[in-house]
Amino acid sequence: MNHTIRTLIAVACGAAFCVTGLAQTPPVTMLEIDLNNSVMYVEDVSDMSKWGKLPGPVPPAADYTHPFKWRTTIADIVAVNGRPVKGSFVLVQKGMAGITDFTPGRPISDVQGTCVRESRLILLQPDGTAIGSMIVSGSTTLMPPPGAPNVEVSPPGMEAVVAGTGAFLGARGHKILAGSSRVASVTEDAAYRRINGGNKLKIYIHLIPMTWPEVLTVPTGPAIFHADDFSPVTTEKPARAGELLMMSVSGLGPVRPNLDPGKPFPAWQAGKEHVVNSPVEVTVNGKAAAVTSAIGWPGMNNVYRVDFRVPEGTAAGTATLGLSVAWINGPEVKIPVR
C-alpha cells in the first residue's frame, strides 16, 4: 500500500471519529418518476385459458369497471427526477367503485371511489445494475391524504410507501400516480405491451428515508479535502473552480461487490474497491459537479470517499454543497471558494 493510500485512510479515520453530530430529521426527498408504455389489463374474461393469448391490442369488455374486478397495470420506469433509469412498475388493484349514496350495484361507503391497490417499483441503473425497490400499499379516493405531495391529479389516492430494499431500505412516504393507463382486456398478450404501446404516466413520491447521505465533520469543518495534497478545505486554503476535491461521507448505502451489513470495508486492493451501487450526485451552488469516484473507505464501516470536481465558473465566496444518493438528499454544507 503506497503513501497516498495510507494518507487517504488516515483522513478517513480522522473524519469518521470527529463527527460532531448527524442530522436527526430526515431531509425532504421528492421523487418524480416517469413511466412509459403503461397498460392496465382488466380481468374481463372469466375463462383463464383465454388470458394472454391475443397479440392485440384488445380493448376490454364494456363492463370492465364493474365492482370487484381485478386489474393489473404494467409500465416501464424510464427516469427519476430527470435522470435516465430502467425499471418496472407493477400495480395490482381490485375495483370497488364505492359511493356515498345508496345506488344498487355499487358498494355503499363513506369514502367514494375507493379501489384497493398494491404496487411495486423496481429501479435499475441504465446498465441494468439494481438500485432498489419500493413497496406501496393504499387505495384510490377522491381526496388526497393530509401532507401528500401537492400535485394536481385525479383521483389523488391515499397510498403509502410501506417498505423498500437496496438504496431505499426501510423507506416510508406518500405516493401519488398521475395519469391513466391504456386499458386492455386480460386476453391481450402482455409480451406485446411495448409493441402495442401504452400511456406515459408520472409517479410523485415524498420519500422519508431511514438513512441519508451526510458529509462528515473534522475539527476544521466539513471533511472536504484538496485531492492534490489531502489538506482540508478551509478559509485559509479555499477550493478553486475546476479543482478536484475529495470528501468523507456516510450513508451512501450498498456497494459493489456486495458487503454484508455491519461489516467494515476490507483492506484496499488496487482495482478491487467497493464502489457505491446507487447514483451519487454532488452540486455546488446548485450546479452539478462531476463525480469521479464514490467508494467505501478501507477498514471503516459506513464511511465513504467521494471525489468530485468543483464546476468551472463557480463564484468566489462561500459555496453551498449538496450531496445525494439514489435521489435521497443529504444536508447541505458550506465550503469556501476563491
C-alpha atoms as a PDB file:
ATOM      1  CA  MET A   1       0.000   0.000   0.000  1.00  0.00           C
ATOM      2  CA  ASN A   2       1.625   3.291  -1.094  1.00  0.00           C
ATOM      3  CA  HIS A   3       1.885   6.536   0.853  1.00  0.00           C
ATOM      4  CA  THR A   4      -1.086   8.074  -0.942  1.00  0.00           C
ATOM      5  CA  ILE A   5      -3.462   5.310   0.113  1.00  0.00           C
ATOM      6  CA  ARG A   6      -2.137   5.346   3.693  1.00  0.00           C
ATOM      7  CA  THR A   7      -2.788   9.080   3.811  1.00  0.00           C
ATOM      8  CA  LEU A   8      -6.335   8.648   2.480  1.00  0.00           C
ATOM      9  CA  ILE A   9      -7.108   6.041   5.118  1.00  0.00           C
ATOM     10  CA  ALA A  10      -5.763   8.339   7.820  1.00  0.00           C
ATOM     11  CA  VAL A  11      -8.003  11.134   6.551  1.00  0.00           C
ATOM     12  CA  ALA A  12     -10.998   8.792   6.535  1.00  0.00           C
ATOM     13  CA  CYS A  13     -10.344   7.629  10.084  1.00  0.00           C
ATOM     14  CA  GLY A  14      -9.944  11.189  11.282  1.00  0.00           C
ATOM     15  CA  ALA A  15     -13.206  12.175   9.641  1.00  0.00           C
ATOM     16  CA  ALA A  16     -15.058   9.168  10.990  1.00  0.00           C
ATOM     17  CA  PHE A  17     -14.094   9.754  14.610  1.00  0.00           C
ATOM     18  CA  CYS A  18     -14.518  13.523  14.618  1.00  0.00           C
ATOM     19  CA  VAL A  19     -18.187  13.629  13.653  1.00  0.00           C
ATOM     20  CA  THR A  20     -19.890  16.368  15.637  1.00  0.00           C
ATOM     21  CA  GLY A  21     -23.402  15.030  15.127  1.00  0.00           C
ATOM     22  CA  LEU A  22     -25.604  13.834  12.312  1.00  0.00           C
ATOM     23  CA  ALA A  23     -28.953  15.384  11.453  1.00  0.00           C
ATOM     24  CA  GLN A  24     -31.840  13.665  13.210  1.00  0.00           C
ATOM     25  CA  THR A  25     -34.639  14.819  10.908  1.00  0.00           C
ATOM     26  CA  PRO A  26     -34.720  13.104   7.503  1.00  0.00           C
ATOM     27  CA  PRO A  27     -34.205  15.653   4.726  1.00  0.00           C
ATOM     28  CA  VAL A  28     -37.097  16.211   2.343  1.00  0.00           C
ATOM     29  CA  THR A  29     -36.753  13.965  -0.694  1.00  0.00           C
ATOM     30  CA  MET A  30     -39.177  14.210  -3.613  1.00  0.00           C
ATOM     31  CA  LEU A  31     -39.076  11.658  -6.421  1.00  0.00           C
ATOM     32  CA  GLU A  32     -40.687  12.385  -9.784  1.00  0.00           C
ATOM     33  CA  ILE A  33     -40.745   9.056 -11.603  1.00  0.00           C
ATOM     34  CA  ASP A  34     -41.551   8.863 -15.325  1.00  0.00           C
ATOM     35  CA  LEU A  35     -43.346   5.785 -16.658  1.00  0.00           C
ATOM     36  CA  ASN A  36     -43.797   4.677 -20.253  1.00  0.00           C
ATOM     37  CA  ASN A  37     -45.874   2.017 -22.018  1.00  0.00           C
ATOM     38  CA  SER A  38     -48.328   1.785 -19.128  1.00  0.00           C
ATOM     39  CA  VAL A  39     -51.116  -0.721 -19.764  1.00  0.00           C
ATOM     40  CA  MET A  40     -53.852  -1.870 -17.372  1.00  0.00           C
ATOM     41  CA  TYR A  41     -55.023  -5.420 -18.087  1.00  0.00           C
ATOM     42  CA  VAL A  42     -58.579  -5.989 -16.872  1.00  0.00           C
ATOM     43  CA  GLU A  43     -59.925  -9.427 -15.920  1.00  0.00           C
ATOM     44  CA  ASP A  44     -62.934  -9.081 -18.186  1.00  0.00           C
ATOM     45  CA  VAL A  45     -62.987 -12.762 -19.176  1.00  0.00           C
ATOM     46  CA  SER A  46     -63.524 -15.463 -16.551  1.00  0.00           C
ATOM     47  CA  ASP A  47     -62.039 -18.276 -18.669  1.00  0.00           C
ATOM     48  CA  MET A  48     -58.365 -18.251 -17.649  1.00  0.00           C
ATOM     49  CA  SER A  49     -57.422 -20.385 -20.653  1.00  0.00           C
ATOM     50  CA  LYS A  50     -58.038 -17.302 -22.832  1.00  0.00           C
ATOM     51  CA  TRP A  51     -55.811 -14.957 -20.832  1.00  0.00           C
ATOM     52  CA  GLY A  52     -52.783 -13.519 -22.629  1.00  0.00           C
ATOM     53  CA  LYS A  53     -53.466 -15.296 -25.928  1.00  0.00           C
ATOM     54  CA  LEU A  54     -54.118 -12.444 -28.400  1.00  0.00           C
ATOM     55  CA  PRO A  55     -51.341 -10.226 -29.758  1.00  0.00           C
ATOM     56  CA  GLY A  56     -53.729  -7.286 -29.664  1.00  0.00           C
ATOM     57  CA  PRO A  57     -54.272  -4.564 -28.913  1.00  0.00           C
ATOM     58  CA  VAL A  58     -57.524  -5.858 -27.420  1.00  0.00           C
ATOM     59  CA  PRO A  59     -59.943  -3.390 -25.779  1.00  0.00           C
ATOM     60  CA  PRO A  60     -61.695  -4.534 -22.603  1.00  0.00           C
ATOM     61  CA  ALA A  61     -65.297  -5.614 -22.350  1.00  0.00           C
ATOM     62  CA  ALA A  62     -67.749  -2.772 -21.823  1.00  0.00           C
ATOM     63  CA  ASP A  63     -68.402  -3.623 -18.176  1.00  0.00           C
ATOM     64  CA  TYR A  64     -64.751  -3.685 -17.060  1.00  0.00           C
ATOM     65  CA  THR A  65     -65.480  -1.070 -14.360  1.00  0.00           C
ATOM     66  CA  HIS A  66     -67.845  -3.456 -12.547  1.00  0.00           C
ATOM     67  CA  PRO A  67     -67.029  -3.604  -8.806  1.00  0.00           C
ATOM     68  CA  PHE A  68     -64.641  -6.281  -7.524  1.00  0.00           C
ATOM     69  CA  LYS A  69     -62.891  -6.939 -10.829  1.00  0.00           C
ATOM     70  CA  TRP A  70     -59.089  -7.358 -10.610  1.00  0.00           C
ATOM     71  CA  ARG A  71     -56.818  -5.195 -12.759  1.00  0.00           C
ATOM     72  CA  THR A  72     -53.056  -5.386 -13.290  1.00  0.00           C
ATOM     73  CA  THR A  73     -51.008  -2.456 -14.583  1.00  0.00           C
ATOM     74  CA  ILE A  74     -47.503  -2.892 -16.009  1.00  0.00           C
ATOM     75  CA  ALA A  75     -45.230   0.000 -17.029  1.00  0.00           C
ATOM     76  CA  ASP A  76     -41.562   0.788 -17.685  1.00  0.00           C
ATOM     77  CA  ILE A  77     -39.719   3.185 -15.375  1.00  0.00           C
ATOM     78  CA  VAL A  78     -37.623   5.444 -17.611  1.00  0.00           C
ATOM     79  CA  ALA A  79     -36.447   8.362 -15.411  1.00  0.00           C
ATOM     80  CA  VAL A  80     -36.265   9.639 -11.844  1.00  0.00           C
ATOM     81  CA  ASN A  81     -36.012  13.399 -11.322  1.00  0.00           C
ATOM     82  CA  GLY A  82     -34.967  13.724 -14.949  1.00  0.00           C
ATOM     83  CA  ARG A  83     -32.146  11.172 -14.716  1.00  0.00           C
ATOM     84  CA  PRO A  84     -32.485   8.190 -17.110  1.00  0.00           C
ATOM     85  CA  VAL A  85     -33.014   4.841 -15.379  1.00  0.00           C
ATOM     86  CA  LYS A  86     -34.586   1.495 -16.124  1.00  0.00           C
ATOM     87  CA  GLY A  87     -37.076  -0.495 -14.124  1.00  0.00           C
ATOM     88  CA  SER A  88     -40.543  -1.905 -13.722  1.00  0.00           C
ATOM     89  CA  PHE A  89     -43.773  -0.671 -12.172  1.00  0.00           C
ATOM     90  CA  VAL A  90     -46.466  -3.238 -11.391  1.00  0.00           C
ATOM     91  CA  LEU A  91     -49.811  -2.315  -9.845  1.00  0.00           C
ATOM     92  CA  VAL A  92     -52.496  -4.799  -8.812  1.00  0.00           C
ATOM     93  CA  GLN A  93     -55.867  -3.426  -7.776  1.00  0.00           C
ATOM     94  CA  LYS A  94     -59.400  -4.554  -7.080  1.00  0.00           C
ATOM     95  CA  GLY A  95     -62.056  -2.097  -8.086  1.00  0.00           C
ATOM     96  CA  MET A  96     -64.746  -1.246  -5.584  1.00  0.00           C
ATOM     97  CA  ALA A  97     -66.349   1.898  -7.036  1.00  0.00           C
ATOM     98  CA  GLY A  98     -67.691   2.868  -3.630  1.00  0.00           C
ATOM     99  CA  ILE A  99     -70.373   5.548  -3.446  1.00  0.00           C
ATOM    100  CA  THR A 100     -71.773   7.547  -0.532  1.00  0.00           C
ATOM    101  CA  ASP A 101     -75.424   7.471  -1.687  1.00  0.00           C
ATOM    102  CA  PHE A 102     -77.464   4.283  -1.931  1.00  0.00           C
ATOM    103  CA  THR A 103     -77.075   3.013  -5.505  1.00  0.00           C
ATOM    104  CA  PRO A 104     -77.989  -0.574  -6.436  1.00  0.00           C
ATOM    105  CA  GLY A 105     -74.965  -2.358  -7.901  1.00  0.00           C
ATOM    106  CA  ARG A 106     -72.459  -0.027  -6.171  1.00  0.00           C
ATOM    107  CA  PRO A 107     -70.922  -0.677  -2.726  1.00  0.00           C
ATOM    108  CA  ILE A 108     -72.127   1.849  -0.139  1.00  0.00           C
ATOM    109  CA  SER A 109     -69.206   3.600   1.555  1.00  0.00           C
ATOM    110  CA  ASP A 110     -68.277   6.743   3.467  1.00  0.00           C
ATOM    111  CA  VAL A 111     -65.371   7.134   1.031  1.00  0.00           C
ATOM    112  CA  GLN A 112     -66.260   7.490  -2.620  1.00  0.00           C
ATOM    113  CA  GLY A 113     -64.371   5.766  -5.428  1.00  0.00           C
ATOM    114  CA  THR A 114     -62.217   3.521  -3.252  1.00  0.00           C
ATOM    115  CA  CYS A 115     -60.079   0.967  -5.072  1.00  0.00           C
ATOM    116  CA  VAL A 116     -57.646  -1.247  -3.124  1.00  0.00           C
ATOM    117  CA  ARG A 117     -54.138  -1.100  -4.640  1.00  0.00           C
ATOM    118  CA  GLU A 118     -50.754  -2.758  -4.148  1.00  0.00           C
ATOM    119  CA  SER A 119     -47.765  -1.781  -6.280  1.00  0.00           C
ATOM    120  CA  ARG A 120     -44.047  -2.428  -6.684  1.00  0.00           C
ATOM    121  CA  LEU A 121     -41.360  -0.182  -8.139  1.00  0.00           C
ATOM    122  CA  ILE A 122     -38.016  -1.779  -9.059  1.00  0.00           C
ATOM    123  CA  LEU A 123     -35.328   0.679 -10.163  1.00  0.00           C
ATOM    124  CA  LEU A 124     -32.185  -0.124 -12.151  1.00  0.00           C
ATOM    125  CA  GLN A 125     -29.204   1.843 -13.408  1.00  0.00           C
ATOM    126  CA  PRO A 126     -29.203   2.251 -17.221  1.00  0.00           C
ATOM    127  CA  ASP A 127     -26.692  -0.643 -17.371  1.00  0.00           C
ATOM    128  CA  GLY A 128     -29.113  -2.922 -15.512  1.00  0.00           C
ATOM    129  CA  THR A 129     -27.492  -2.662 -12.057  1.00  0.00           C
ATOM    130  CA  ALA A 130     -30.175  -2.877  -9.372  1.00  0.00           C
ATOM    131  CA  ILE A 131     -30.651   0.281  -7.269  1.00  0.00           C
ATOM    132  CA  GLY A 132     -33.508  -0.834  -5.041  1.00  0.00           C
ATOM    133  CA  SER A 133     -37.239  -1.294  -4.826  1.00  0.00           C
ATOM    134  CA  MET A 134     -40.251   0.208  -3.079  1.00  0.00           C
ATOM    135  CA  ILE A 135     -43.466  -1.463  -1.933  1.00  0.00           C
ATOM    136  CA  VAL A 136     -46.595   0.703  -1.987  1.00  0.00           C
ATOM    137  CA  SER A 137     -49.996  -0.002  -0.454  1.00  0.00           C
ATOM    138  CA  GLY A 138     -53.182   2.009  -0.322  1.00  0.00           C
ATOM    139  CA  SER A 139     -56.278   2.940  -2.265  1.00  0.00           C
ATOM    140  CA  THR A 140     -57.674   5.421  -4.735  1.00  0.00           C
ATOM    141  CA  THR A 141     -60.038   8.005  -3.299  1.00  0.00           C
ATOM    142  CA  LEU A 142     -61.390  11.368  -4.354  1.00  0.00           C
ATOM    143  CA  MET A 143     -59.446  13.074  -1.559  1.00  0.00           C
ATOM    144  CA  PRO A 144     -55.675  13.284  -1.037  1.00  0.00           C
ATOM    145  CA  PRO A 145     -54.208  12.309   2.325  1.00  0.00           C
ATOM    146  CA  PRO A 146     -53.096  15.240   4.522  1.00  0.00           C
ATOM    147  CA  GLY A 147     -49.470  16.140   3.868  1.00  0.00           C
ATOM    148  CA  ALA A 148     -49.273  14.395   0.479  1.00  0.00           C
ATOM    149  CA  PRO A 149     -47.302  15.951  -2.406  1.00  0.00           C
ATOM    150  CA  ASN A 150     -49.234  18.938  -3.760  1.00  0.00           C
ATOM    151  CA  VAL A 151     -49.782  17.844  -7.350  1.00  0.00           C
ATOM    152  CA  GLU A 152     -52.920  18.082  -9.474  1.00  0.00           C
ATOM    153  CA  VAL A 153     -54.085  14.534 -10.170  1.00  0.00           C
ATOM    154  CA  SER A 154     -57.433  12.770 -10.256  1.00  0.00           C
ATOM    155  CA  PRO A 155     -58.114  10.639  -8.365  1.00  0.00           C
ATOM    156  CA  PRO A 156     -55.315  11.582  -5.937  1.00  0.00           C
ATOM    157  CA  GLY A 157     -55.386   8.344  -3.929  1.00  0.00           C
ATOM    158  CA  MET A 158     -54.196   7.501  -0.449  1.00  0.00           C
ATOM    159  CA  GLU A 159     -51.129   5.342  -0.996  1.00  0.00           C
ATOM    160  CA  ALA A 160     -48.103   4.895   1.231  1.00  0.00           C
ATOM    161  CA  VAL A 161     -44.601   3.595   0.643  1.00  0.00           C
ATOM    162  CA  VAL A 162     -44.500   0.893   3.314  1.00  0.00           C
ATOM    163  CA  ALA A 163     -41.103  -0.700   2.685  1.00  0.00           C
ATOM    164  CA  GLY A 164     -38.037  -0.630   0.496  1.00  0.00           C
ATOM    165  CA  THR A 165     -34.892  -2.541  -0.394  1.00  0.00           C
ATOM    166  CA  GLY A 166     -31.403  -1.603  -1.542  1.00  0.00           C
ATOM    167  CA  ALA A 167     -30.958   2.169  -1.600  1.00  0.00           C
ATOM    168  CA  PHE A 168     -34.496   2.533  -0.202  1.00  0.00           C
ATOM    169  CA  LEU A 169     -34.158   0.087   2.705  1.00  0.00           C
ATOM    170  CA  GLY A 170     -36.725   0.945   5.366  1.00  0.00           C
ATOM    171  CA  ALA A 171     -38.061   3.977   3.476  1.00  0.00           C
ATOM    172  CA  ARG A 172     -41.576   5.305   4.008  1.00  0.00           C
ATOM    173  CA  GLY A 173     -43.600   8.001   2.281  1.00  0.00           C
ATOM    174  CA  HIS A 174     -46.574   9.215   0.247  1.00  0.00           C
ATOM    175  CA  LYS A 175     -47.123   8.116  -3.343  1.00  0.00           C
ATOM    176  CA  ILE A 176     -49.370   9.683  -5.985  1.00  0.00           C
ATOM    177  CA  LEU A 177     -49.881   8.328  -9.508  1.00  0.00           C
ATOM    178  CA  ALA A 178     -50.703  10.970 -12.111  1.00  0.00           C
ATOM    179  CA  GLY A 179     -52.399   9.983 -15.353  1.00  0.00           C
ATOM    180  CA  SER A 180     -54.211   6.943 -16.694  1.00  0.00           C
ATOM    181  CA  SER A 181     -53.013   3.798 -18.440  1.00  0.00           C
ATOM    182  CA  ARG A 182     -54.197   2.311 -21.697  1.00  0.00           C
ATOM    183  CA  VAL A 183     -56.883  -0.197 -20.748  1.00  0.00           C
ATOM    184  CA  ALA A 184     -56.726  -3.652 -22.311  1.00  0.00           C
ATOM    185  CA  SER A 185     -58.519  -6.968 -21.991  1.00  0.00           C
ATOM    186  CA  VAL A 186     -56.795  -9.690 -19.987  1.00  0.00           C
ATOM    187  CA  THR A 187     -56.877 -11.715 -23.217  1.00  0.00           C
ATOM    188  CA  GLU A 188     -54.214  -9.401 -24.694  1.00  0.00           C
ATOM    189  CA  ASP A 189     -50.716 -10.894 -24.557  1.00  0.00           C
ATOM    190  CA  ALA A 190     -48.580  -8.657 -22.307  1.00  0.00           C
ATOM    191  CA  ALA A 191     -45.491  -9.729 -24.258  1.00  0.00           C
ATOM    192  CA  TYR A 192     -46.673  -7.255 -26.926  1.00  0.00           C
ATOM    193  CA  ARG A 193     -47.044  -4.370 -24.446  1.00  0.00           C
ATOM    194  CA  ARG A 194     -44.216  -2.257 -25.864  1.00  0.00           C
ATOM    195  CA  ILE A 195     -45.227  -3.088 -29.436  1.00  0.00           C
ATOM    196  CA  ASN A 196     -48.882  -2.206 -28.878  1.00  0.00           C
ATOM    197  CA  GLY A 197     -47.875   0.779 -26.786  1.00  0.00           C
ATOM    198  CA  GLY A 198     -49.237   2.313 -23.642  1.00  0.00           C
ATOM    199  CA  ASN A 199     -49.536   5.666 -21.921  1.00  0.00           C
ATOM    200  CA  LYS A 200     -46.979   7.896 -20.227  1.00  0.00           C
ATOM    201  CA  LEU A 201     -47.553   8.487 -16.520  1.00  0.00           C
ATOM    202  CA  LYS A 202     -45.823  10.121 -13.584  1.00  0.00           C
ATOM    203  CA  ILE A 203     -45.431   8.965 -10.002  1.00  0.00           C
ATOM    204  CA  TYR A 204     -44.726  11.502  -7.274  1.00  0.00           C
ATOM    205  CA  ILE A 205     -43.262  10.194  -4.030  1.00  0.00           C
ATOM    206  CA  HIS A 206     -42.467  12.112  -0.855  1.00  0.00           C
ATOM    207  CA  LEU A 207     -39.844   9.712   0.459  1.00  0.00           C
ATOM    208  CA  ILE A 208     -38.886   9.521   4.123  1.00  0.00           C
ATOM    209  CA  PRO A 209     -35.643   7.509   4.186  1.00  0.00           C
ATOM    210  CA  MET A 210     -34.271   5.531   7.106  1.00  0.00           C
ATOM    211  CA  THR A 211     -30.750   6.775   6.293  1.00  0.00           C
ATOM    212  CA  TRP A 212     -29.395   9.569   4.118  1.00  0.00           C
ATOM    213  CA  PRO A 213     -26.007  10.801   2.895  1.00  0.00           C
ATOM    214  CA  GLU A 214     -24.078  13.235   5.038  1.00  0.00           C
ATOM    215  CA  VAL A 215     -20.686  14.911   4.854  1.00  0.00           C
ATOM    216  CA  LEU A 216     -18.704  14.054   7.995  1.00  0.00           C
ATOM    217  CA  THR A 217     -17.084  16.726  10.137  1.00  0.00           C
ATOM    218  CA  VAL A 218     -13.485  17.250  11.278  1.00  0.00           C
ATOM    219  CA  PRO A 219     -12.173  19.984  13.633  1.00  0.00           C
ATOM    220  CA  THR A 220     -11.608  22.313  10.664  1.00  0.00           C
ATOM    221  CA  GLY A 221     -15.197  21.916   9.412  1.00  0.00           C
ATOM    222  CA  PRO A 222     -16.737  19.634   6.766  1.00  0.00           C
ATOM    223  CA  ALA A 223     -14.461  16.701   5.889  1.00  0.00           C
ATOM    224  CA  ILE A 224     -13.626  18.028   2.428  1.00  0.00           C
ATOM    225  CA  PHE A 225     -10.025  17.967   1.226  1.00  0.00           C
ATOM    226  CA  HIS A 226      -7.828  19.090  -1.646  1.00  0.00           C
ATOM    227  CA  ALA A 227      -7.111  15.983  -3.714  1.00  0.00           C
ATOM    228  CA  ASP A 228      -3.573  17.060  -4.620  1.00  0.00           C
ATOM    229  CA  ASP A 229      -2.191  17.154  -1.068  1.00  0.00           C
ATOM    230  CA  PHE A 230      -5.082  15.916   1.143  1.00  0.00           C
ATOM    231  CA  SER A 231      -5.139  19.145   3.150  1.00  0.00           C
ATOM    232  CA  PRO A 232      -8.566  20.310   4.395  1.00  0.00           C
ATOM    233  CA  VAL A 233     -10.541  22.962   2.546  1.00  0.00           C
ATOM    234  CA  THR A 234     -10.592  25.993   4.866  1.00  0.00           C
ATOM    235  CA  THR A 235     -10.963  29.753   4.618  1.00  0.00           C
ATOM    236  CA  GLU A 236      -7.142  29.934   4.700  1.00  0.00           C
ATOM    237  CA  LYS A 237      -6.912  27.390   1.888  1.00  0.00           C
ATOM    238  CA  PRO A 238     -10.188  27.523  -0.062  1.00  0.00           C
ATOM    239  CA  ALA A 239     -11.258  25.406  -3.007  1.00  0.00           C
ATOM    240  CA  ARG A 240     -10.813  26.610  -6.568  1.00  0.00           C
ATOM    241  CA  ALA A 241     -13.182  26.422  -9.523  1.00  0.00           C
ATOM    242  CA  GLY A 242     -12.256  23.369 -11.578  1.00  0.00           C
ATOM    243  CA  GLU A 243     -10.321  21.761  -8.710  1.00  0.00           C
ATOM    244  CA  LEU A 244     -10.667  18.087  -7.783  1.00  0.00           C
ATOM    245  CA  LEU A 245     -11.767  17.660  -4.166  1.00  0.00           C
ATOM    246  CA  MET A 246     -12.454  14.622  -2.021  1.00  0.00           C
ATOM    247  CA  MET A 247     -14.746  14.280   0.944  1.00  0.00           C
ATOM    248  CA  SER A 248     -15.523  11.745   3.633  1.00  0.00           C
ATOM    249  CA  VAL A 249     -19.243  10.961   3.929  1.00  0.00           C
ATOM    250  CA  SER A 250     -21.666   8.499   5.490  1.00  0.00           C
ATOM    251  CA  GLY A 251     -24.928   6.956   4.371  1.00  0.00           C
ATOM    252  CA  LEU A 252     -24.243   6.048   0.740  1.00  0.00           C
ATOM    253  CA  GLY A 253     -25.694   2.572   1.164  1.00  0.00           C
ATOM    254  CA  PRO A 254     -24.917  -0.659  -0.717  1.00  0.00           C
ATOM    255  CA  VAL A 255     -21.706  -1.187  -2.681  1.00  0.00           C
ATOM    256  CA  ARG A 256     -20.372  -3.416  -5.450  1.00  0.00           C
ATOM    257  CA  PRO A 257     -19.123  -6.049  -4.765  1.00  0.00           C
ATOM    258  CA  ASN A 258     -21.691  -6.652  -2.049  1.00  0.00           C
ATOM    259  CA  LEU A 259     -20.689  -6.276   1.606  1.00  0.00           C
ATOM    260  CA  ASP A 260     -22.645  -7.842   4.462  1.00  0.00           C
ATOM    261  CA  PRO A 261     -24.454  -5.276   6.655  1.00  0.00           C
ATOM    262  CA  GLY A 262     -22.381  -4.011   9.585  1.00  0.00           C
ATOM    263  CA  LYS A 263     -19.039  -5.207   8.244  1.00  0.00           C
ATOM    264  CA  PRO A 264     -16.181  -2.744   7.606  1.00  0.00           C
ATOM    265  CA  PHE A 265     -14.784  -2.310   4.129  1.00  0.00           C
ATOM    266  CA  PRO A 266     -11.833  -4.682   3.626  1.00  0.00           C
ATOM    267  CA  ALA A 267      -8.220  -3.626   3.169  1.00  0.00           C
ATOM    268  CA  TRP A 268      -7.572  -1.700  -0.017  1.00  0.00           C
ATOM    269  CA  GLN A 269      -6.511  -3.577  -3.140  1.00  0.00           C
ATOM    270  CA  ALA A 270      -5.961  -1.851  -6.455  1.00  0.00           C
ATOM    271  CA  GLY A 271      -8.867  -2.460  -8.796  1.00  0.00           C
ATOM    272  CA  LYS A 272     -10.969  -4.099  -6.063  1.00  0.00           C
ATOM    273  CA  GLU A 273     -12.538  -1.042  -4.475  1.00  0.00           C
ATOM    274  CA  HIS A 274     -16.097  -1.304  -3.187  1.00  0.00           C
ATOM    275  CA  VAL A 275     -17.970   1.103  -5.464  1.00  0.00           C
ATOM    276  CA  VAL A 276     -21.181   2.773  -4.302  1.00  0.00           C
ATOM    277  CA  ASN A 277     -24.030   0.953  -6.018  1.00  0.00           C
ATOM    278  CA  SER A 278     -26.519   3.859  -6.374  1.00  0.00           C
ATOM    279  CA  PRO A 279     -26.267   7.105  -8.346  1.00  0.00           C
ATOM    280  CA  VAL A 280     -24.266   9.678  -6.356  1.00  0.00           C
ATOM    281  CA  GLU A 281     -24.720  13.354  -7.208  1.00  0.00           C
ATOM    282  CA  VAL A 282     -22.893  16.431  -5.929  1.00  0.00           C
ATOM    283  CA  THR A 283     -23.877  20.034  -6.588  1.00  0.00           C
ATOM    284  CA  VAL A 284     -22.054  23.286  -5.893  1.00  0.00           C
ATOM    285  CA  ASN A 285     -24.344  26.332  -5.720  1.00  0.00           C
ATOM    286  CA  GLY A 286     -26.994  24.201  -7.402  1.00  0.00           C
ATOM    287  CA  LYS A 287     -24.773  23.295 -10.362  1.00  0.00           C
ATOM    288  CA  ALA A 288     -23.904  19.652 -10.982  1.00  0.00           C
ATOM    289  CA  ALA A 289     -20.326  18.710 -10.115  1.00  0.00           C
ATOM    290  CA  ALA A 290     -18.646  15.807 -11.906  1.00  0.00           C
ATOM    291  CA  VAL A 291     -18.318  12.863  -9.501  1.00  0.00           C
ATOM    292  CA  THR A 292     -15.192  10.908 -10.449  1.00  0.00           C
ATOM    293  CA  SER A 293     -15.244   8.312  -7.654  1.00  0.00           C
ATOM    294  CA  ALA A 294     -17.525   7.066  -4.871  1.00  0.00           C
ATOM    295  CA  ILE A 295     -16.098   4.135  -2.882  1.00  0.00           C
ATOM    296  CA  GLY A 296     -16.011   2.658   0.616  1.00  0.00           C
ATOM    297  CA  TRP A 297     -13.116   3.606   2.908  1.00  0.00           C
ATOM    298  CA  PRO A 298     -10.960   0.541   3.704  1.00  0.00           C
ATOM    299  CA  GLY A 299     -11.263  -0.531   7.321  1.00  0.00           C
ATOM    300  CA  MET A 300     -14.263   1.712   8.003  1.00  0.00           C
ATOM    301  CA  ASN A 301     -17.966   0.995   8.489  1.00  0.00           C
ATOM    302  CA  ASN A 302     -20.470   3.284   6.725  1.00  0.00           C
ATOM    303  CA  VAL A 303     -17.730   5.737   5.717  1.00  0.00           C
ATOM    304  CA  TYR A 304     -17.195   6.512   2.043  1.00  0.00           C
ATOM    305  CA  ARG A 305     -14.870   8.612  -0.085  1.00  0.00           C
ATOM    306  CA  VAL A 306     -16.387  10.770  -2.827  1.00  0.00           C
ATOM    307  CA  ASP A 307     -14.175  12.620  -5.333  1.00  0.00           C
ATOM    308  CA  PHE A 308     -15.727  15.478  -7.288  1.00  0.00           C
ATOM    309  CA  ARG A 309     -14.644  18.464  -9.351  1.00  0.00           C
ATOM    310  CA  VAL A 310     -15.779  21.985  -8.467  1.00  0.00           C
ATOM    311  CA  PRO A 311     -17.687  23.265 -11.529  1.00  0.00           C
ATOM    312  CA  GLU A 312     -15.870  25.776 -13.709  1.00  0.00           C
ATOM    313  CA  GLY A 313     -17.197  29.266 -13.196  1.00  0.00           C
ATOM    314  CA  THR A 314     -18.065  28.784  -9.529  1.00  0.00           C
ATOM    315  CA  ALA A 315     -18.056  32.243  -7.978  1.00  0.00           C
ATOM    316  CA  ALA A 316     -15.613  33.119  -5.232  1.00  0.00           C
ATOM    317  CA  GLY A 317     -17.028  33.244  -1.726  1.00  0.00           C
ATOM    318  CA  THR A 318     -18.997  30.752   0.338  1.00  0.00           C
ATOM    319  CA  ALA A 319     -20.468  27.993  -1.807  1.00  0.00           C
ATOM    320  CA  THR A 320     -23.281  25.595  -0.920  1.00  0.00           C
ATOM    321  CA  LEU A 321     -22.514  21.927  -1.483  1.00  0.00           C
ATOM    322  CA  GLY A 322     -25.309  19.382  -1.912  1.00  0.00           C
ATOM    323  CA  LEU A 323     -24.987  15.600  -1.790  1.00  0.00           C
ATOM    324  CA  SER A 324     -27.490  12.915  -2.773  1.00  0.00           C
ATOM    325  CA  VAL A 325     -27.536   9.153  -3.329  1.00  0.00           C
ATOM    326  CA  ALA A 326     -30.364   7.425  -5.184  1.00  0.00           C
ATOM    327  CA  TRP A 327     -32.047  10.884  -5.249  1.00  0.00           C
ATOM    328  CA  ILE A 328     -32.104  10.973  -1.428  1.00  0.00           C
ATOM    329  CA  ASN A 329     -30.776  14.356  -0.359  1.00  0.00           C
ATOM    330  CA  GLY A 330     -28.376  14.969   2.494  1.00  0.00           C
ATOM    331  CA  PRO A 331     -27.924  18.188   4.496  1.00  0.00           C
ATOM    332  CA  GLU A 332     -26.149  20.961   2.631  1.00  0.00           C
ATOM    333  CA  VAL A 333     -22.740  22.188   3.813  1.00  0.00           C
ATOM    334  CA  LYS A 334     -20.757  25.354   3.100  1.00  0.00           C
ATOM    335  CA  ILE A 335     -17.256  25.486   1.603  1.00  0.00           C
ATOM    336  CA  PRO A 336     -15.034  28.488   0.822  1.00  0.00           C
ATOM    337  CA  VAL A 337     -14.107  29.059  -2.823  1.00  0.00           C
ATOM    338  CA  ARG A 338     -11.593  31.530  -4.148  1.00  0.00           C
END
